[in-house]
Amino acid sequence: MEKISSTKQLKQCLGFWDLMGASVGQIIGAGIMTLLGSAIAMTGRSVPLALFIAFVITVCQYIPMIFISGTVRCRGGRYSMVAMLAGKRIAGAYSIIYIFSNLSLSMYALSFASYFVSLLGIGSEQTVALVIITLFFVLNIMGIDKFAQVQKIIVACLILALGVFAAFGVGHIKPGYMDPQQWMPGGMLGLLQAGGLLTFATGGATCIIDLSAEAKNPTRDIPSVIVISTLGVAALYALIAFVAAGVFPVEQVAGQNLSLVAQEILSKPLYVFFMVCGAGFALISTLNSQFAWAPKPTMQACDDGWLPCGLAKLSKWNTPYIILGILYVIAVVCIITGLSVSILSNMCVVANSITTMMINASAVKMPMVASEEWEHSKFKVSKGVLILASAVGTVSAGFNCYLNASRLSAGLLIINIVVIIGSFIFGAVRSKYAHVEVSFEKA
């Protein structure tokens, strides 16, 4: 059957700063607003050190994917990595796991609506959520370049708001920051536990791998953006954590979100600005970013025959409007019916960690699978170093998988297991009809 569209038709128009906007917007989410208080409860005022640990764990988990994305353009993003390194059946399983993992778009819209209504006292949460999800759906339908332009503005406002919190907060930090009773009260174990928890706030940069087909120079830009954005956000988080833990005694801020400290250090106008452009924009930047990158691996799965190829049809703006439309309809249904966004957002967190482990464990195959591209890659290393990088990445992803699993209720863990088993059954059964093409290429 002749293909209606292909990832080969996507417009390569995203430069370094476009990818940076997508990456930073994905990393900075509700995690830092909600998890920092929990981390302070574990390790007190040593929480900036915990963020450094989180950064190290996060980057170690990314190393194999940095090597791969710096060597070839993966038109189907992380799906292409799975297909080229882990094999056909696992690619089929990933295509299903990936779809389930993107059913959480409504969560960001509803969370933003909650902030908006509580701050301004106007409108209903459902109405605001529907407006915001529709706005970003239309934006992403109109072209990847439109997404990038708006995303850079959102991220600039977001960074400014977080910077305001840090700048105004430094002067409010009380003397005796490193008081032994306030510094690392949970010992080394508490520090490590806090670092593990905060990986949920420092992760997300690898989403831009799914924009590889639309990047101007993916092998140059994607690896550097992943590292720089993760490091930059972690450094900004460390400043915020320094303020969050230093204005009040630890016992007063432990388990609290940033709004408690923000009310103390900011004037009313700046507080509103911080809550809207900090907490609120952290959510919509993630929403906008996910609308942009989420359809691309599914497009390649359609190209390869795992899913109907008609779903990947492109609009006149060169966007996969049918896949975007399906994501939008699911989000709208969740908002209108009140379907649990908690269940949707956690449906595949363990499954996603397992697929990351598969990519990392299979990275040792790069010299065999893409021999010519690897030979000329700036990331080319010896076999021993590649094995070490693959091992470190796999162990780090395994640790993240454990953290994900430990946060879930028994019911959600069972859902993850069912999705994993069902996806691998699908991959095995459907593999006889799929025709996985080579979706990586020299860039």
Foldseek 3Di string as FASTA:
>chain_A
DDFQDALLPFAQDDEQLLLLLLQLLQLQACLLQQLLLQLCLLFFLCLLVLLVLLLVLQVLLCLLVLQVQLQWQQSLFLLLLCPLFVHQLVSQLVLLLLVLQLLLLLVLLLQLLVLVCVLPVDDDSLVSSLVLLVVLLVQVLLASVSLSVVSSVLVVLQLVLLVVLLVLLVVLFDPPSPPVCRGGVNPPVSSNVSSLSCNSNLDDSSLCSLVSSRHPNRSPNSSVSSSCSSVVVSVSSSSNSNRQSGNDPSVVSRSHGPLVSLVVRDDPVSSSSNSCSHNNSSSSSSSSSCLNRSCRNNQLCCVQPSDPSVQQNGDPNRGSSSSSVVSSVSSSCCSVVVPDSVLSNLLAQLVVLVSSLSSLLRSLCVCVSPVVSLVPRPSNDDSVVSNVSSVSSNVSSVSSSVVSLVPDDPVSNVSNVVSSVVSSVSSVVCSVVTHNDNSIRHD
